[in-house]
Amino acid sequence: MDDHTDSVMVALLPTESYWSLLDYPHLTLVFAGKVDDQPPYVHNELLKIANVIANYNSPFYAKVVGTDVFGEDESRVDVILIESSPRLLLMRTVLEDYNQSEHTEFKPHCTIGPVGSKKNNIPQFIKFNQIAVSWGNKRTGYQLR
């Protein structure tokens, strides 16, 4: 699970991940499609935007507002729902032009794992302290300041 080896995304990274079964727990700000479908300059653009976001945002706590199930059939996953905030919406807005997801509505969430993997120790808040650009197997992270 959690194979993004051919994908492009920008995501916030949590300081703790005991609640997730993923190797790379995150809150996706934008899914920008597949690496092979991107001109090379897009990678540099995303790196610049992520760096600006990191420089203008300090680490922060996001409120957990519940859990849900996303996806269909065998791709269904348990997720932690994150309360939308002006900070998250601004980050998403800055990256919106790169969105290639079939899901156009931004629903802040962090994936726990496959359906049925939700644990009883869901946090009330999740702290995020990094933003990362994933370009296939290559990840570049920036500390929120």
C-alpha atoms as a PDB file:
ATOM      1  CA  MET A   1       0.000   0.000   0.000  1.00  0.00           C
ATOM      2  CA  ASP A   2       0.977   3.632  -0.397  1.00  0.00           C
ATOM      3  CA  ASP A   3       2.828   3.204  -3.696  1.00  0.00           C
ATOM      4  CA  HIS A   4       3.402   6.606  -5.280  1.00  0.00           C
ATOM      5  CA  THR A   5       6.455   5.665  -7.333  1.00  0.00           C
ATOM      6  CA  ASP A   6       5.089   7.233 -10.517  1.00  0.00           C
ATOM      7  CA  SER A   7       3.107  10.103  -8.976  1.00  0.00           C
ATOM      8  CA  VAL A   8       3.651  13.791  -8.363  1.00  0.00           C
ATOM      9  CA  MET A   9       2.237  15.404  -5.226  1.00  0.00           C
ATOM     10  CA  VAL A  10       2.801  18.105  -2.658  1.00  0.00           C
ATOM     11  CA  ALA A  11       1.897  17.149   0.887  1.00  0.00           C
ATOM     12  CA  LEU A  12       2.193  18.160   4.514  1.00  0.00           C
ATOM     13  CA  LEU A  13       4.042  15.709   6.740  1.00  0.00           C
ATOM     14  CA  PRO A  14       3.050  15.020  10.346  1.00  0.00           C
ATOM     15  CA  THR A  15       5.465  14.912  13.262  1.00  0.00           C
ATOM     16  CA  GLU A  16       3.942  11.629  14.497  1.00  0.00           C
ATOM     17  CA  SER A  17       2.350   8.792  12.606  1.00  0.00           C
ATOM     18  CA  TYR A  18       1.434   6.119  15.149  1.00  0.00           C
ATOM     19  CA  TRP A  19      -2.151   6.336  13.828  1.00  0.00           C
ATOM     20  CA  SER A  20      -1.208   5.411  10.237  1.00  0.00           C
ATOM     21  CA  LEU A  21      -0.152   2.162   8.612  1.00  0.00           C
ATOM     22  CA  LEU A  22       1.384   3.971   5.643  1.00  0.00           C
ATOM     23  CA  ASP A  23       5.119   4.126   5.034  1.00  0.00           C
ATOM     24  CA  TYR A  24       4.689   7.802   4.097  1.00  0.00           C
ATOM     25  CA  PRO A  25       1.825   9.333   6.104  1.00  0.00           C
ATOM     26  CA  HIS A  26       0.802  12.738   4.763  1.00  0.00           C
ATOM     27  CA  LEU A  27      -1.942  15.237   4.032  1.00  0.00           C
ATOM     28  CA  THR A  28      -2.053  15.742   0.265  1.00  0.00           C
ATOM     29  CA  LEU A  29      -2.318  19.382  -0.738  1.00  0.00           C
ATOM     30  CA  VAL A  30      -2.300  18.548  -4.436  1.00  0.00           C
ATOM     31  CA  PHE A  31      -1.971  15.438  -6.583  1.00  0.00           C
ATOM     32  CA  ALA A  32      -0.329  16.648  -9.778  1.00  0.00           C
ATOM     33  CA  GLY A  33      -0.602  13.485 -11.867  1.00  0.00           C
ATOM     34  CA  LYS A  34       2.040  11.102 -13.136  1.00  0.00           C
ATOM     35  CA  VAL A  35       5.740  11.883 -13.508  1.00  0.00           C
ATOM     36  CA  ASP A  36       5.784  10.810 -17.157  1.00  0.00           C
ATOM     37  CA  ASP A  37       2.983  13.261 -17.991  1.00  0.00           C
ATOM     38  CA  GLN A  38       4.831  16.306 -16.583  1.00  0.00           C
ATOM     39  CA  PRO A  39       7.270  18.593 -18.336  1.00  0.00           C
ATOM     40  CA  PRO A  40      10.499  18.754 -16.295  1.00  0.00           C
ATOM     41  CA  TYR A  41      10.028  22.429 -15.357  1.00  0.00           C
ATOM     42  CA  VAL A  42       6.960  21.515 -13.264  1.00  0.00           C
ATOM     43  CA  HIS A  43       9.240  19.820 -10.737  1.00  0.00           C
ATOM     44  CA  ASN A  44      11.174  23.066 -10.222  1.00  0.00           C
ATOM     45  CA  GLU A  45       7.961  25.091  -9.986  1.00  0.00           C
ATOM     46  CA  LEU A  46       6.564  22.798  -7.292  1.00  0.00           C
ATOM     47  CA  LEU A  47       9.844  22.935  -5.359  1.00  0.00           C
ATOM     48  CA  LYS A  48       9.768  26.746  -5.417  1.00  0.00           C
ATOM     49  CA  ILE A  49       6.146  26.888  -4.266  1.00  0.00           C
ATOM     50  CA  ALA A  50       6.768  24.371  -1.462  1.00  0.00           C
ATOM     51  CA  ASN A  51       9.789  26.380  -0.316  1.00  0.00           C
ATOM     52  CA  VAL A  52       7.720  29.587  -0.198  1.00  0.00           C
ATOM     53  CA  ILE A  53       4.952  27.826   1.739  1.00  0.00           C
ATOM     54  CA  ALA A  54       7.542  26.505   4.213  1.00  0.00           C
ATOM     55  CA  ASN A  55       9.086  29.949   4.689  1.00  0.00           C
ATOM     56  CA  TYR A  56       5.739  31.584   5.433  1.00  0.00           C
ATOM     57  CA  ASN A  57       4.279  28.933   7.722  1.00  0.00           C
ATOM     58  CA  SER A  58       5.372  27.680  11.090  1.00  0.00           C
ATOM     59  CA  PRO A  59       4.613  24.173  12.347  1.00  0.00           C
ATOM     60  CA  PHE A  60       0.950  23.927  13.296  1.00  0.00           C
ATOM     61  CA  TYR A  61      -1.675  21.651  14.772  1.00  0.00           C
ATOM     62  CA  ALA A  62      -4.690  20.697  12.691  1.00  0.00           C
ATOM     63  CA  LYS A  63      -7.868  19.605  14.417  1.00  0.00           C
ATOM     64  CA  VAL A  64      -9.132  16.093  13.747  1.00  0.00           C
ATOM     65  CA  VAL A  65     -12.881  16.166  13.143  1.00  0.00           C
ATOM     66  CA  GLY A  66     -13.569  12.472  12.643  1.00  0.00           C
ATOM     67  CA  THR A  67     -12.872   9.466  10.477  1.00  0.00           C
ATOM     68  CA  ASP A  68     -14.348   8.249   7.220  1.00  0.00           C
ATOM     69  CA  VAL A  69     -13.821   5.778   4.396  1.00  0.00           C
ATOM     70  CA  PHE A  70     -12.619   7.068   1.005  1.00  0.00           C
ATOM     71  CA  GLY A  71     -12.299   5.221  -2.290  1.00  0.00           C
ATOM     72  CA  GLU A  72     -14.188   2.432  -3.977  1.00  0.00           C
ATOM     73  CA  ASP A  73     -14.057  -1.349  -3.945  1.00  0.00           C
ATOM     74  CA  GLU A  74     -10.568  -2.719  -3.179  1.00  0.00           C
ATOM     75  CA  SER A  75      -9.039   0.787  -3.000  1.00  0.00           C
ATOM     76  CA  ARG A  76     -11.143   1.826   0.018  1.00  0.00           C
ATOM     77  CA  VAL A  77      -9.148   3.304   2.890  1.00  0.00           C
ATOM     78  CA  ASP A  78      -9.812   4.564   6.393  1.00  0.00           C
ATOM     79  CA  VAL A  79      -8.966   8.254   6.756  1.00  0.00           C
ATOM     80  CA  ILE A  80      -8.694  10.851   9.487  1.00  0.00           C
ATOM     81  CA  LEU A  81     -10.655  13.966   8.557  1.00  0.00           C
ATOM     82  CA  ILE A  82      -8.885  17.266   9.215  1.00  0.00           C
ATOM     83  CA  GLU A  83     -10.757  20.499   9.881  1.00  0.00           C
ATOM     84  CA  SER A  84     -10.346  22.880   6.995  1.00  0.00           C
ATOM     85  CA  SER A  85      -8.695  26.160   7.926  1.00  0.00           C
ATOM     86  CA  PRO A  86      -7.671  29.375   6.163  1.00  0.00           C
ATOM     87  CA  ARG A  87      -4.039  28.165   6.306  1.00  0.00           C
ATOM     88  CA  LEU A  88      -4.798  24.849   4.589  1.00  0.00           C
ATOM     89  CA  LEU A  89      -7.086  26.492   2.040  1.00  0.00           C
ATOM     90  CA  LEU A  90      -4.421  29.050   1.131  1.00  0.00           C
ATOM     91  CA  MET A  91      -1.798  26.322   0.682  1.00  0.00           C
ATOM     92  CA  ARG A  92      -4.203  24.400  -1.541  1.00  0.00           C
ATOM     93  CA  THR A  93      -5.150  27.510  -3.531  1.00  0.00           C
ATOM     94  CA  VAL A  94      -1.500  28.269  -4.316  1.00  0.00           C
ATOM     95  CA  LEU A  95      -1.154  24.736  -5.735  1.00  0.00           C
ATOM     96  CA  GLU A  96      -4.604  24.394  -7.337  1.00  0.00           C
ATOM     97  CA  ASP A  97      -3.409  24.919 -10.934  1.00  0.00           C
ATOM     98  CA  TYR A  98      -1.372  21.703 -10.664  1.00  0.00           C
ATOM     99  CA  ASN A  99      -4.292  19.537  -9.530  1.00  0.00           C
ATOM    100  CA  GLN A 100      -4.862  16.532 -11.757  1.00  0.00           C
ATOM    101  CA  SER A 101      -6.943  14.522  -9.338  1.00  0.00           C
ATOM    102  CA  GLU A 102     -10.400  13.382 -10.341  1.00  0.00           C
ATOM    103  CA  HIS A 103     -11.455  14.732  -6.948  1.00  0.00           C
ATOM    104  CA  THR A 104     -11.621  18.487  -7.371  1.00  0.00           C
ATOM    105  CA  GLU A 105     -13.016  19.325  -3.921  1.00  0.00           C
ATOM    106  CA  PHE A 106     -10.306  19.698  -1.286  1.00  0.00           C
ATOM    107  CA  LYS A 107     -11.133  17.478   1.703  1.00  0.00           C
ATOM    108  CA  PRO A 108      -8.173  17.637   4.101  1.00  0.00           C
ATOM    109  CA  HIS A 109      -7.453  14.152   5.398  1.00  0.00           C
ATOM    110  CA  CYS A 110      -4.704  11.722   6.315  1.00  0.00           C
ATOM    111  CA  THR A 111      -4.949   8.070   5.314  1.00  0.00           C
ATOM    112  CA  ILE A 112      -4.826   5.547   8.121  1.00  0.00           C
ATOM    113  CA  GLY A 113      -4.689   2.406   5.979  1.00  0.00           C
ATOM    114  CA  PRO A 114      -6.977  -0.121   4.270  1.00  0.00           C
ATOM    115  CA  VAL A 115     -10.603  -0.261   5.411  1.00  0.00           C
ATOM    116  CA  GLY A 116     -10.768  -1.848   8.837  1.00  0.00           C
ATOM    117  CA  SER A 117      -7.351  -0.647   9.983  1.00  0.00           C
ATOM    118  CA  LYS A 118      -8.600   2.318  12.038  1.00  0.00           C
ATOM    119  CA  LYS A 119      -7.323   2.133  15.598  1.00  0.00           C
ATOM    120  CA  ASN A 120      -8.932   3.414  18.791  1.00  0.00           C
ATOM    121  CA  ASN A 121      -6.127   5.901  19.419  1.00  0.00           C
ATOM    122  CA  ILE A 122      -7.045   8.509  16.808  1.00  0.00           C
ATOM    123  CA  PRO A 123      -5.473  11.823  17.877  1.00  0.00           C
ATOM    124  CA  GLN A 124      -7.517  14.982  18.516  1.00  0.00           C
ATOM    125  CA  PHE A 125      -4.892  17.081  16.731  1.00  0.00           C
ATOM    126  CA  ILE A 126      -2.133  16.297  14.245  1.00  0.00           C
ATOM    127  CA  LYS A 127       0.968  18.459  14.127  1.00  0.00           C
ATOM    128  CA  PHE A 128       2.510  19.219  10.739  1.00  0.00           C
ATOM    129  CA  ASN A 129       6.058  20.514  10.513  1.00  0.00           C
ATOM    130  CA  GLN A 130       7.146  19.821   6.921  1.00  0.00           C
ATOM    131  CA  ILE A 131       5.964  20.182   3.358  1.00  0.00           C
ATOM    132  CA  ALA A 132       7.283  17.799   0.722  1.00  0.00           C
ATOM    133  CA  VAL A 133       7.292  17.491  -3.028  1.00  0.00           C
ATOM    134  CA  SER A 134       7.161  13.892  -4.192  1.00  0.00           C
ATOM    135  CA  TRP A 135       8.290  13.346  -7.765  1.00  0.00           C
ATOM    136  CA  GLY A 136       8.054   9.599  -8.190  1.00  0.00           C
ATOM    137  CA  ASN A 137      10.589   8.057  -5.802  1.00  0.00           C
ATOM    138  CA  LYS A 138      12.293  11.401  -5.194  1.00  0.00           C
ATOM    139  CA  ARG A 139      11.103  13.436  -2.199  1.00  0.00           C
ATOM    140  CA  THR A 140      12.244  16.910  -1.281  1.00  0.00           C
ATOM    141  CA  GLY A 141      11.096  18.231   2.072  1.00  0.00           C
ATOM    142  CA  TYR A 142      11.149  21.662   3.642  1.00  0.00           C
ATOM    143  CA  GLN A 143      10.745  22.453   7.328  1.00  0.00           C
ATOM    144  CA  LEU A 144       7.917  24.819   8.150  1.00  0.00           C
ATOM    145  CA  ARG A 145       9.530  27.789   9.875  1.00  0.00           C
END
